[in-house]
Amino acid sequence: MSDNPPDPAQIDGADFFIGIVASRYNGELVDALLDCVTKVLKQQGVRERNIEILRVPGANEIPYAAHMLSATGEFDCLIALGVVLSGETTHHEVIAYGTAYSLHSIGMQSEIPVINGILTVSSLEQAGERIGGKRDRGAEFARAALQMAWHKIKLVERLDALEDEKKALEDDDDDEDEGFDPKQLFKNN
């Protein structure tokens, strides 16, 4: 991740519904990340009752829970939170790639933005820097969720308006066709 995040957009989250799926594995780290996320969401106006937190065993289980939450259609954005520490094997890479791919797929299929807040780090020191340290990734994830929730709502409104316009044009075409009798084509022959 970059050390050069965008300036935070000032978005009022009062009407947003945010779902958070957080891993229990590396619990203290994830709890701290979750605290950072919820703090910023609330500072930006998201009501506590509009934030649903679902805890799962580990990062690998996050995509399933995110998929199921997206299927409810109740959320403007989902945030996936976890901390994966690299170890002696490549298991952390499998988890990082698998969850990233799955979370992207969930967002595209459900049309609900999903913020991938699963940190993959090499050490506890790196985790600490990214959770409440000089690189507050929790705040970044929360701000990204707010911006994407705003975009989702605006784009859905736009698509709904286009659909209404298309329907109105189809209805106009149907009205014009109602008075047409195909037998009239052959009447003069």
N, C-alpha and C. Protein backbone atom coordinates (compact mmCIF):
# COMPACT_ATOMS: atom_id res chain seq x y z
N MET A 1 0.83 -1.17 0.00
CA MET A 1 0.00 0.00 0.00
C MET A 1 0.87 1.23 0.00
N SER A 2 0.34 2.24 -0.58
CA SER A 2 1.08 3.49 -0.73
C SER A 2 1.10 4.28 0.58
N ASP A 3 2.11 5.11 0.70
CA ASP A 3 2.18 6.04 1.82
C ASP A 3 1.61 7.40 1.42
N ASN A 4 0.92 7.45 0.31
CA ASN A 4 0.40 8.70 -0.21
C ASN A 4 -1.10 8.59 -0.47
N PRO A 5 -1.91 8.44 0.60
CA PRO A 5 -3.36 8.29 0.38
C PRO A 5 -3.97 9.60 -0.09
N PRO A 6 -5.14 9.51 -0.74
CA PRO A 6 -5.80 10.74 -1.18
C PRO A 6 -6.32 11.53 0.03
N ASP A 7 -6.51 12.82 -0.18
CA ASP A 7 -7.13 13.62 0.87
C ASP A 7 -8.52 13.06 1.12
N PRO A 8 -8.92 12.98 2.39
CA PRO A 8 -10.24 12.40 2.68
C PRO A 8 -11.37 13.28 2.15
N ALA A 9 -12.31 12.63 1.50
CA ALA A 9 -13.51 13.33 1.03
C ALA A 9 -14.41 13.55 2.24
N GLN A 10 -15.03 14.70 2.30
CA GLN A 10 -15.94 15.01 3.40
C GLN A 10 -17.34 14.54 3.00
N ILE A 11 -17.72 13.40 3.52
CA ILE A 11 -18.99 12.78 3.17
C ILE A 11 -19.79 12.56 4.44
N ASP A 12 -21.05 12.97 4.39
CA ASP A 12 -21.96 12.73 5.51
C ASP A 12 -22.52 11.32 5.37
N GLY A 13 -22.17 10.47 6.31
CA GLY A 13 -22.58 9.07 6.25
C GLY A 13 -23.87 8.76 7.00
N ALA A 14 -24.65 9.76 7.37
CA ALA A 14 -25.83 9.56 8.21
C ALA A 14 -26.83 8.56 7.64
N ASP A 15 -26.94 8.50 6.33
CA ASP A 15 -27.93 7.60 5.73
C ASP A 15 -27.34 6.29 5.23
N PHE A 16 -26.06 6.06 5.46
CA PHE A 16 -25.40 4.86 4.95
C PHE A 16 -25.57 3.68 5.90
N PHE A 17 -25.63 2.50 5.30
CA PHE A 17 -25.63 1.24 6.04
C PHE A 17 -24.35 0.51 5.66
N ILE A 18 -23.52 0.25 6.65
CA ILE A 18 -22.21 -0.34 6.42
C ILE A 18 -22.14 -1.69 7.13
N GLY A 19 -21.74 -2.71 6.39
CA GLY A 19 -21.51 -4.03 6.97
C GLY A 19 -20.01 -4.25 7.10
N ILE A 20 -19.59 -4.78 8.23
CA ILE A 20 -18.18 -5.06 8.47
C ILE A 20 -18.04 -6.53 8.82
N VAL A 21 -17.17 -7.23 8.09
CA VAL A 21 -16.84 -8.61 8.41
C VAL A 21 -15.41 -8.60 8.92
N ALA A 22 -15.24 -9.03 10.17
CA ALA A 22 -13.92 -8.96 10.80
C ALA A 22 -13.50 -10.33 11.30
N SER A 23 -12.25 -10.66 11.07
CA SER A 23 -11.66 -11.92 11.48
C SER A 23 -11.42 -11.92 12.99
N ARG A 24 -11.56 -13.09 13.60
CA ARG A 24 -11.20 -13.26 15.01
C ARG A 24 -9.72 -13.65 15.16
N TYR A 25 -9.15 -14.17 14.10
CA TYR A 25 -7.74 -14.57 14.13
C TYR A 25 -6.90 -13.31 14.26
N ASN A 26 -5.82 -13.37 15.04
CA ASN A 26 -5.04 -12.17 15.36
C ASN A 26 -5.97 -11.11 15.95
N GLY A 27 -6.79 -11.56 16.88
CA GLY A 27 -7.90 -10.79 17.43
C GLY A 27 -7.56 -9.42 17.96
N GLU A 28 -6.46 -9.28 18.71
CA GLU A 28 -6.13 -7.97 19.26
C GLU A 28 -5.84 -6.97 18.15
N LEU A 29 -5.14 -7.43 17.13
CA LEU A 29 -4.83 -6.55 16.00
C LEU A 29 -6.09 -6.17 15.24
N VAL A 30 -6.93 -7.16 14.98
CA VAL A 30 -8.16 -6.89 14.22
C VAL A 30 -9.10 -6.01 15.05
N ASP A 31 -9.17 -6.25 16.36
CA ASP A 31 -10.01 -5.40 17.21
C ASP A 31 -9.56 -3.94 17.13
N ALA A 32 -8.26 -3.72 17.15
CA ALA A 32 -7.74 -2.35 17.05
C ALA A 32 -8.07 -1.74 15.69
N LEU A 33 -7.95 -2.54 14.64
CA LEU A 33 -8.31 -2.09 13.28
C LEU A 33 -9.79 -1.76 13.21
N LEU A 34 -10.61 -2.63 13.78
CA LEU A 34 -12.06 -2.41 13.81
C LEU A 34 -12.40 -1.13 14.57
N ASP A 35 -11.73 -0.89 15.68
CA ASP A 35 -11.96 0.35 16.44
C ASP A 35 -11.65 1.58 15.59
N CYS A 36 -10.54 1.53 14.86
CA CYS A 36 -10.18 2.66 13.98
C CYS A 36 -11.26 2.89 12.93
N VAL A 37 -11.73 1.81 12.32
CA VAL A 37 -12.74 1.92 11.27
C VAL A 37 -14.04 2.50 11.82
N THR A 38 -14.55 1.92 12.90
CA THR A 38 -15.84 2.37 13.42
C THR A 38 -15.75 3.81 13.95
N LYS A 39 -14.62 4.18 14.50
CA LYS A 39 -14.44 5.55 15.00
C LYS A 39 -14.61 6.55 13.86
N VAL A 40 -13.95 6.31 12.74
CA VAL A 40 -14.04 7.24 11.60
C VAL A 40 -15.44 7.22 11.00
N LEU A 41 -16.05 6.05 10.88
CA LEU A 41 -17.41 5.98 10.35
C LEU A 41 -18.36 6.84 11.18
N LYS A 42 -18.26 6.70 12.49
CA LYS A 42 -19.13 7.49 13.38
C LYS A 42 -18.81 8.97 13.31
N GLN A 43 -17.53 9.32 13.20
CA GLN A 43 -17.15 10.73 13.06
C GLN A 43 -17.76 11.34 11.80
N GLN A 44 -17.93 10.53 10.78
CA GLN A 44 -18.49 11.00 9.52
C GLN A 44 -20.02 10.87 9.49
N GLY A 45 -20.61 10.57 10.62
CA GLY A 45 -22.07 10.60 10.73
C GLY A 45 -22.78 9.28 10.61
N VAL A 46 -22.08 8.19 10.35
CA VAL A 46 -22.76 6.90 10.25
C VAL A 46 -23.30 6.54 11.63
N ARG A 47 -24.59 6.26 11.68
CA ARG A 47 -25.23 5.91 12.95
C ARG A 47 -24.78 4.53 13.40
N GLU A 48 -24.59 4.38 14.69
CA GLU A 48 -24.13 3.09 15.22
C GLU A 48 -25.08 1.96 14.81
N ARG A 49 -26.38 2.24 14.81
CA ARG A 49 -27.36 1.21 14.44
C ARG A 49 -27.27 0.84 12.95
N ASN A 50 -26.59 1.68 12.16
CA ASN A 50 -26.43 1.40 10.72
C ASN A 50 -25.13 0.68 10.41
N ILE A 51 -24.41 0.27 11.45
CA ILE A 51 -23.17 -0.49 11.28
C ILE A 51 -23.41 -1.88 11.83
N GLU A 52 -23.28 -2.87 10.97
CA GLU A 52 -23.40 -4.26 11.42
C GLU A 52 -22.03 -4.91 11.35
N ILE A 53 -21.63 -5.51 12.46
CA ILE A 53 -20.33 -6.18 12.54
C ILE A 53 -20.56 -7.67 12.68
N LEU A 54 -19.94 -8.41 11.80
CA LEU A 54 -20.03 -9.87 11.82
C LEU A 54 -18.62 -10.42 12.00
N ARG A 55 -18.42 -11.20 13.04
CA ARG A 55 -17.09 -11.77 13.31
C ARG A 55 -17.04 -13.20 12.77
N VAL A 56 -15.94 -13.52 12.12
CA VAL A 56 -15.71 -14.86 11.56
C VAL A 56 -14.38 -15.39 12.08
N PRO A 57 -14.15 -16.72 11.97
CA PRO A 57 -12.93 -17.29 12.55
C PRO A 57 -11.63 -16.69 12.03
N GLY A 58 -11.48 -16.61 10.72
CA GLY A 58 -10.23 -16.12 10.15
C GLY A 58 -10.47 -15.37 8.86
N ALA A 59 -9.40 -14.87 8.27
CA ALA A 59 -9.51 -14.10 7.03
C ALA A 59 -10.09 -14.93 5.89
N ASN A 60 -9.81 -16.21 5.87
CA ASN A 60 -10.31 -17.06 4.79
C ASN A 60 -11.83 -17.16 4.79
N GLU A 61 -12.46 -16.94 5.93
CA GLU A 61 -13.91 -17.03 6.03
C GLU A 61 -14.61 -15.70 5.71
N ILE A 62 -13.85 -14.64 5.59
CA ILE A 62 -14.43 -13.32 5.34
C ILE A 62 -15.23 -13.27 4.03
N PRO A 63 -14.72 -13.79 2.90
CA PRO A 63 -15.49 -13.68 1.66
C PRO A 63 -16.87 -14.33 1.73
N TYR A 64 -16.97 -15.48 2.38
CA TYR A 64 -18.29 -16.13 2.49
C TYR A 64 -19.27 -15.21 3.22
N ALA A 65 -18.85 -14.70 4.38
CA ALA A 65 -19.73 -13.84 5.16
C ALA A 65 -20.06 -12.55 4.40
N ALA A 66 -19.08 -12.00 3.70
CA ALA A 66 -19.32 -10.79 2.90
C ALA A 66 -20.32 -11.08 1.78
N HIS A 67 -20.18 -12.23 1.16
CA HIS A 67 -21.12 -12.62 0.11
C HIS A 67 -22.55 -12.71 0.66
N MET A 68 -22.69 -13.35 1.80
CA MET A 68 -24.01 -13.51 2.39
C MET A 68 -24.60 -12.16 2.81
N LEU A 69 -23.78 -11.28 3.37
CA LEU A 69 -24.27 -9.95 3.72
C LEU A 69 -24.68 -9.17 2.47
N SER A 70 -23.91 -9.31 1.41
CA SER A 70 -24.25 -8.60 0.18
C SER A 70 -25.58 -9.10 -0.38
N ALA A 71 -25.87 -10.37 -0.19
CA ALA A 71 -27.11 -10.95 -0.71
C ALA A 71 -28.34 -10.38 -0.02
N THR A 72 -28.19 -9.82 1.17
CA THR A 72 -29.34 -9.23 1.85
C THR A 72 -29.80 -7.95 1.17
N GLY A 73 -28.89 -7.28 0.47
CA GLY A 73 -29.21 -6.02 -0.18
C GLY A 73 -29.40 -4.86 0.80
N GLU A 74 -29.01 -5.05 2.04
CA GLU A 74 -29.24 -4.05 3.09
C GLU A 74 -28.12 -3.01 3.22
N PHE A 75 -27.00 -3.20 2.53
CA PHE A 75 -25.82 -2.39 2.80
C PHE A 75 -25.43 -1.54 1.60
N ASP A 76 -24.88 -0.37 1.91
CA ASP A 76 -24.35 0.51 0.87
C ASP A 76 -22.90 0.20 0.58
N CYS A 77 -22.22 -0.42 1.55
CA CYS A 77 -20.83 -0.82 1.38
C CYS A 77 -20.49 -1.86 2.44
N LEU A 78 -19.56 -2.73 2.11
CA LEU A 78 -19.04 -3.72 3.05
C LEU A 78 -17.55 -3.47 3.24
N ILE A 79 -17.08 -3.76 4.45
CA ILE A 79 -15.66 -3.65 4.75
C ILE A 79 -15.20 -4.99 5.30
N ALA A 80 -14.15 -5.53 4.73
CA ALA A 80 -13.55 -6.79 5.20
C ALA A 80 -12.30 -6.45 6.00
N LEU A 81 -12.22 -6.94 7.24
CA LEU A 81 -11.08 -6.62 8.09
C LEU A 81 -10.41 -7.89 8.60
N GLY A 82 -9.10 -7.92 8.46
CA GLY A 82 -8.31 -9.03 8.98
C GLY A 82 -6.84 -8.65 8.98
N VAL A 83 -6.07 -9.45 9.69
CA VAL A 83 -4.62 -9.27 9.71
C VAL A 83 -4.01 -10.63 9.48
N VAL A 84 -3.24 -10.75 8.41
CA VAL A 84 -2.56 -11.99 8.06
C VAL A 84 -1.06 -11.74 8.18
N LEU A 85 -0.43 -12.46 9.09
CA LEU A 85 1.02 -12.35 9.28
C LEU A 85 1.71 -13.42 8.44
N SER A 86 2.76 -13.04 7.75
CA SER A 86 3.50 -14.04 6.98
C SER A 86 4.24 -14.96 7.95
N GLY A 87 4.36 -16.19 7.54
CA GLY A 87 5.03 -17.18 8.38
C GLY A 87 6.10 -17.91 7.60
N GLU A 88 6.35 -19.13 8.03
CA GLU A 88 7.41 -19.93 7.40
C GLU A 88 6.97 -20.54 6.08
N THR A 89 5.66 -20.59 5.84
CA THR A 89 5.15 -21.16 4.59
C THR A 89 4.52 -20.04 3.76
N THR A 90 3.96 -20.39 2.63
CA THR A 90 3.31 -19.39 1.77
C THR A 90 1.80 -19.30 2.03
N HIS A 91 1.35 -19.85 3.13
CA HIS A 91 -0.08 -19.84 3.45
C HIS A 91 -0.64 -18.42 3.43
N HIS A 92 0.10 -17.46 3.93
CA HIS A 92 -0.38 -16.08 3.95
C HIS A 92 -0.64 -15.56 2.54
N GLU A 93 0.17 -15.99 1.57
CA GLU A 93 -0.04 -15.57 0.18
C GLU A 93 -1.32 -16.17 -0.38
N VAL A 94 -1.57 -17.42 -0.07
CA VAL A 94 -2.80 -18.08 -0.52
C VAL A 94 -4.00 -17.32 0.02
N ILE A 95 -3.98 -17.00 1.31
CA ILE A 95 -5.09 -16.27 1.93
C ILE A 95 -5.23 -14.88 1.32
N ALA A 96 -4.14 -14.17 1.17
CA ALA A 96 -4.19 -12.81 0.63
C ALA A 96 -4.75 -12.78 -0.79
N TYR A 97 -4.23 -13.63 -1.66
CA TYR A 97 -4.70 -13.66 -3.05
C TYR A 97 -6.14 -14.15 -3.14
N GLY A 98 -6.45 -15.22 -2.42
CA GLY A 98 -7.79 -15.80 -2.48
C GLY A 98 -8.86 -14.84 -1.98
N THR A 99 -8.58 -14.19 -0.86
CA THR A 99 -9.58 -13.27 -0.32
C THR A 99 -9.71 -12.03 -1.19
N ALA A 100 -8.61 -11.52 -1.69
CA ALA A 100 -8.67 -10.33 -2.55
C ALA A 100 -9.51 -10.61 -3.78
N TYR A 101 -9.25 -11.72 -4.44
CA TYR A 101 -10.01 -12.08 -5.64
C TYR A 101 -11.49 -12.24 -5.30
N SER A 102 -11.77 -12.95 -4.22
CA SER A 102 -13.17 -13.21 -3.84
C SER A 102 -13.90 -11.91 -3.50
N LEU A 103 -13.25 -11.03 -2.76
CA LEU A 103 -13.90 -9.78 -2.38
C LEU A 103 -14.20 -8.91 -3.59
N HIS A 104 -13.27 -8.87 -4.55
CA HIS A 104 -13.54 -8.14 -5.80
C HIS A 104 -14.73 -8.74 -6.52
N SER A 105 -14.78 -10.04 -6.59
CA SER A 105 -15.88 -10.73 -7.28
C SER A 105 -17.22 -10.44 -6.60
N ILE A 106 -17.22 -10.46 -5.28
CA ILE A 106 -18.46 -10.18 -4.54
C ILE A 106 -18.97 -8.78 -4.87
N GLY A 107 -18.08 -7.81 -4.87
CA GLY A 107 -18.47 -6.45 -5.18
C GLY A 107 -19.03 -6.32 -6.58
N MET A 108 -18.40 -6.95 -7.54
CA MET A 108 -18.85 -6.86 -8.93
C MET A 108 -20.18 -7.57 -9.13
N GLN A 109 -20.34 -8.72 -8.53
CA GLN A 109 -21.57 -9.49 -8.72
C GLN A 109 -22.75 -8.90 -7.97
N SER A 110 -22.51 -8.38 -6.78
CA SER A 110 -23.61 -7.88 -5.95
C SER A 110 -23.91 -6.41 -6.20
N GLU A 111 -23.00 -5.71 -6.86
CA GLU A 111 -23.08 -4.27 -7.08
C GLU A 111 -23.07 -3.50 -5.76
N ILE A 112 -22.45 -4.10 -4.74
CA ILE A 112 -22.23 -3.45 -3.47
C ILE A 112 -20.72 -3.36 -3.29
N PRO A 113 -20.17 -2.16 -3.13
CA PRO A 113 -18.72 -2.04 -2.98
C PRO A 113 -18.21 -2.81 -1.76
N VAL A 114 -17.06 -3.43 -1.93
CA VAL A 114 -16.42 -4.17 -0.84
C VAL A 114 -15.01 -3.62 -0.68
N ILE A 115 -14.72 -3.11 0.51
CA ILE A 115 -13.40 -2.58 0.81
C ILE A 115 -12.56 -3.70 1.40
N ASN A 116 -11.43 -3.99 0.77
CA ASN A 116 -10.54 -5.05 1.25
C ASN A 116 -9.61 -4.46 2.30
N GLY A 117 -9.98 -4.67 3.55
CA GLY A 117 -9.18 -4.20 4.66
C GLY A 117 -8.43 -5.33 5.35
N ILE A 118 -8.04 -6.32 4.57
CA ILE A 118 -7.25 -7.43 5.11
C ILE A 118 -5.78 -7.06 4.93
N LEU A 119 -5.13 -6.79 6.02
CA LEU A 119 -3.72 -6.44 5.99
C LEU A 119 -2.87 -7.70 5.94
N THR A 120 -1.93 -7.75 5.04
CA THR A 120 -0.95 -8.83 4.99
C THR A 120 0.40 -8.21 5.32
N VAL A 121 0.94 -8.60 6.46
CA VAL A 121 2.16 -7.98 6.96
C VAL A 121 3.20 -9.04 7.31
N SER A 122 4.44 -8.61 7.39
CA SER A 122 5.54 -9.52 7.70
C SER A 122 5.85 -9.61 9.17
N SER A 123 5.37 -8.63 9.95
CA SER A 123 5.72 -8.63 11.38
C SER A 123 4.67 -7.90 12.19
N LEU A 124 4.72 -8.10 13.49
CA LEU A 124 3.83 -7.37 14.39
C LEU A 124 4.13 -5.88 14.33
N GLU A 125 5.40 -5.53 14.13
CA GLU A 125 5.78 -4.12 14.01
C GLU A 125 5.09 -3.47 12.82
N GLN A 126 5.09 -4.17 11.67
CA GLN A 126 4.41 -3.65 10.48
C GLN A 126 2.91 -3.51 10.75
N ALA A 127 2.33 -4.48 11.44
CA ALA A 127 0.90 -4.41 11.77
C ALA A 127 0.63 -3.17 12.62
N GLY A 128 1.47 -2.93 13.63
CA GLY A 128 1.30 -1.79 14.51
C GLY A 128 1.39 -0.47 13.78
N GLU A 129 2.28 -0.37 12.80
CA GLU A 129 2.41 0.86 12.01
C GLU A 129 1.14 1.14 11.21
N ARG A 130 0.45 0.09 10.81
CA ARG A 130 -0.71 0.23 9.95
C ARG A 130 -2.03 0.32 10.72
N ILE A 131 -1.96 -0.01 11.99
CA ILE A 131 -3.17 0.02 12.82
C ILE A 131 -2.96 1.06 13.91
N GLY A 132 -3.46 2.24 13.68
CA GLY A 132 -3.34 3.29 14.67
C GLY A 132 -1.99 3.97 14.70
N GLY A 133 -1.05 3.50 13.91
CA GLY A 133 0.27 4.11 13.85
C GLY A 133 0.32 5.20 12.81
N LYS A 134 1.50 5.39 12.24
CA LYS A 134 1.65 6.49 11.27
C LYS A 134 0.88 6.22 9.97
N ARG A 135 0.56 4.99 9.69
CA ARG A 135 -0.24 4.64 8.51
C ARG A 135 -1.57 4.06 9.01
N ASP A 136 -2.50 4.89 9.31
CA ASP A 136 -3.77 4.44 9.88
C ASP A 136 -4.66 3.86 8.78
N ARG A 137 -4.46 2.58 8.49
CA ARG A 137 -5.21 1.94 7.42
C ARG A 137 -6.69 1.81 7.78
N GLY A 138 -7.01 1.70 9.06
CA GLY A 138 -8.41 1.63 9.46
C GLY A 138 -9.17 2.88 9.03
N ALA A 139 -8.57 4.04 9.26
CA ALA A 139 -9.20 5.29 8.84
C ALA A 139 -9.34 5.33 7.31
N GLU A 140 -8.32 4.86 6.61
CA GLU A 140 -8.38 4.82 5.15
C GLU A 140 -9.49 3.91 4.67
N PHE A 141 -9.63 2.74 5.30
CA PHE A 141 -10.69 1.80 4.89
C PHE A 141 -12.06 2.42 5.13
N ALA A 142 -12.24 3.08 6.26
CA ALA A 142 -13.53 3.71 6.58
C ALA A 142 -13.85 4.81 5.57
N ARG A 143 -12.87 5.65 5.26
CA ARG A 143 -13.09 6.74 4.30
C ARG A 143 -13.37 6.20 2.90
N ALA A 144 -12.69 5.14 2.53
CA ALA A 144 -12.95 4.52 1.22
C ALA A 144 -14.37 3.97 1.19
N ALA A 145 -14.81 3.37 2.29
CA ALA A 145 -16.17 2.82 2.35
C ALA A 145 -17.20 3.93 2.20
N LEU A 146 -16.97 5.05 2.87
CA LEU A 146 -17.91 6.17 2.77
C LEU A 146 -17.99 6.70 1.34
N GLN A 147 -16.83 6.85 0.72
CA GLN A 147 -16.83 7.37 -0.65
C GLN A 147 -17.49 6.38 -1.61
N MET A 148 -17.22 5.10 -1.44
CA MET A 148 -17.82 4.11 -2.33
C MET A 148 -19.32 3.94 -2.07
N ALA A 149 -19.75 4.07 -0.82
CA ALA A 149 -21.19 4.03 -0.51
C ALA A 149 -21.88 5.20 -1.21
N TRP A 150 -21.26 6.38 -1.15
CA TRP A 150 -21.82 7.56 -1.82
C TRP A 150 -21.92 7.31 -3.32
N HIS A 151 -20.84 6.79 -3.91
CA HIS A 151 -20.86 6.49 -5.35
C HIS A 151 -21.93 5.46 -5.69
N LYS A 152 -22.05 4.44 -4.86
CA LYS A 152 -23.06 3.40 -5.12
C LYS A 152 -24.45 4.01 -5.17
N ILE A 153 -24.77 4.82 -4.18
CA ILE A 153 -26.10 5.42 -4.13
C ILE A 153 -26.34 6.30 -5.35
N LYS A 154 -25.37 7.14 -5.69
CA LYS A 154 -25.53 8.04 -6.84
C LYS A 154 -25.63 7.27 -8.15
N LEU A 155 -24.83 6.23 -8.30
CA LEU A 155 -24.87 5.45 -9.55
C LEU A 155 -26.15 4.64 -9.66
N VAL A 156 -26.64 4.11 -8.56
CA VAL A 156 -27.92 3.38 -8.58
C VAL A 156 -29.05 4.34 -8.95
N GLU A 157 -29.04 5.55 -8.37
CA GLU A 157 -30.05 6.55 -8.74
C GLU A 157 -29.99 6.85 -10.23
N ARG A 158 -28.79 6.98 -10.75
CA ARG A 158 -28.61 7.27 -12.17
C ARG A 158 -29.11 6.12 -13.04
N LEU A 159 -28.77 4.90 -12.65
CA LEU A 159 -29.23 3.74 -13.41
C LEU A 159 -30.74 3.58 -13.34
N ASP A 160 -31.31 3.85 -12.17
CA ASP A 160 -32.77 3.79 -12.03
C ASP A 160 -33.44 4.81 -12.92
N ALA A 161 -32.89 6.03 -13.00
CA ALA A 161 -33.46 7.06 -13.85
C ALA A 161 -33.38 6.65 -15.32
N LEU A 162 -32.27 6.06 -15.72
CA LEU A 162 -32.14 5.58 -17.10
C LEU A 162 -33.14 4.47 -17.39
N GLU A 163 -33.33 3.59 -16.44
CA GLU A 163 -34.29 2.50 -16.60
C GLU A 163 -35.71 3.05 -16.71
N ASP A 164 -36.04 4.05 -15.89
CA ASP A 164 -37.37 4.68 -15.96
C ASP A 164 -37.57 5.35 -17.32
N GLU A 165 -36.51 6.02 -17.80
CA GLU A 165 -36.58 6.68 -19.10
C GLU A 165 -36.78 5.65 -20.22
N LYS A 166 -36.07 4.57 -20.13
CA LYS A 166 -36.19 3.51 -21.13
C LYS A 166 -37.60 2.92 -21.12
N LYS A 167 -38.13 2.70 -19.92
CA LYS A 167 -39.48 2.16 -19.79
C LYS A 167 -40.51 3.11 -20.38
N ALA A 168 -40.34 4.39 -20.11
CA ALA A 168 -41.27 5.40 -20.63
C ALA A 168 -41.24 5.41 -22.16
N LEU A 169 -40.06 5.29 -22.75
CA LEU A 169 -39.96 5.24 -24.21
C LEU A 169 -40.63 3.99 -24.76
N GLU A 170 -40.45 2.88 -24.08
CA GLU A 170 -41.09 1.63 -24.52
C GLU A 170 -42.61 1.74 -24.42
N ASP A 171 -43.09 2.37 -23.35
CA ASP A 171 -44.53 2.56 -23.18
C ASP A 171 -45.09 3.44 -24.28
N ASP A 172 -44.34 4.51 -24.65
CA ASP A 172 -44.77 5.40 -25.75
C ASP A 172 -44.84 4.62 -27.05
N ASP A 173 -43.85 3.76 -27.31
CA ASP A 173 -43.84 2.94 -28.52
C ASP A 173 -45.02 1.98 -28.53
N ASP A 174 -45.35 1.42 -27.40
CA ASP A 174 -46.48 0.49 -27.30
C ASP A 174 -47.79 1.22 -27.56
N ASP A 175 -47.93 2.46 -27.07
CA ASP A 175 -49.15 3.24 -27.28
C ASP A 175 -49.34 3.54 -28.76
N GLU A 176 -48.26 3.86 -29.46
CA GLU A 176 -48.35 4.16 -30.89
C GLU A 176 -48.73 2.92 -31.68
N ASP A 177 -48.28 1.76 -31.28
CA ASP A 177 -48.55 0.52 -32.00
C ASP A 177 -49.95 0.00 -31.76
N GLU A 178 -50.65 0.45 -30.71
CA GLU A 178 -51.96 -0.09 -30.39
C GLU A 178 -52.99 0.20 -31.48
N GLY A 179 -52.90 1.32 -32.16
CA GLY A 179 -53.87 1.67 -33.19
C GLY A 179 -53.52 1.08 -34.55
N PHE A 180 -52.44 0.40 -34.65
CA PHE A 180 -51.99 -0.14 -35.93
C PHE A 180 -52.63 -1.50 -36.20
N ASP A 181 -53.21 -1.64 -37.40
CA ASP A 181 -53.81 -2.91 -37.81
C ASP A 181 -53.03 -3.41 -39.01
N PRO A 182 -52.33 -4.55 -38.89
CA PRO A 182 -51.51 -5.04 -40.01
C PRO A 182 -52.34 -5.34 -41.27
N LYS A 183 -53.61 -5.57 -41.16
CA LYS A 183 -54.46 -5.85 -42.33
C LYS A 183 -54.56 -4.64 -43.25
N GLN A 184 -54.35 -3.44 -42.66
CA GLN A 184 -54.42 -2.21 -43.45
C GLN A 184 -53.35 -2.17 -44.52
N LEU A 185 -52.26 -2.87 -44.33
CA LEU A 185 -51.20 -2.89 -45.34
C LEU A 185 -51.68 -3.52 -46.63
N PHE A 186 -52.60 -4.44 -46.56
CA PHE A 186 -53.02 -5.20 -47.74
C PHE A 186 -54.39 -4.75 -48.26
N LYS A 187 -54.98 -3.76 -47.64
CA LYS A 187 -56.31 -3.30 -47.99
C LYS A 187 -56.38 -2.74 -49.42
N ASN A 188 -55.40 -1.98 -49.83
CA ASN A 188 -55.40 -1.33 -51.13
C ASN A 188 -54.95 -2.25 -52.26
N ASN A 189 -54.49 -3.43 -51.96
CA ASN A 189 -53.99 -4.33 -53.04
C ASN A 189 -55.06 -5.16 -53.60
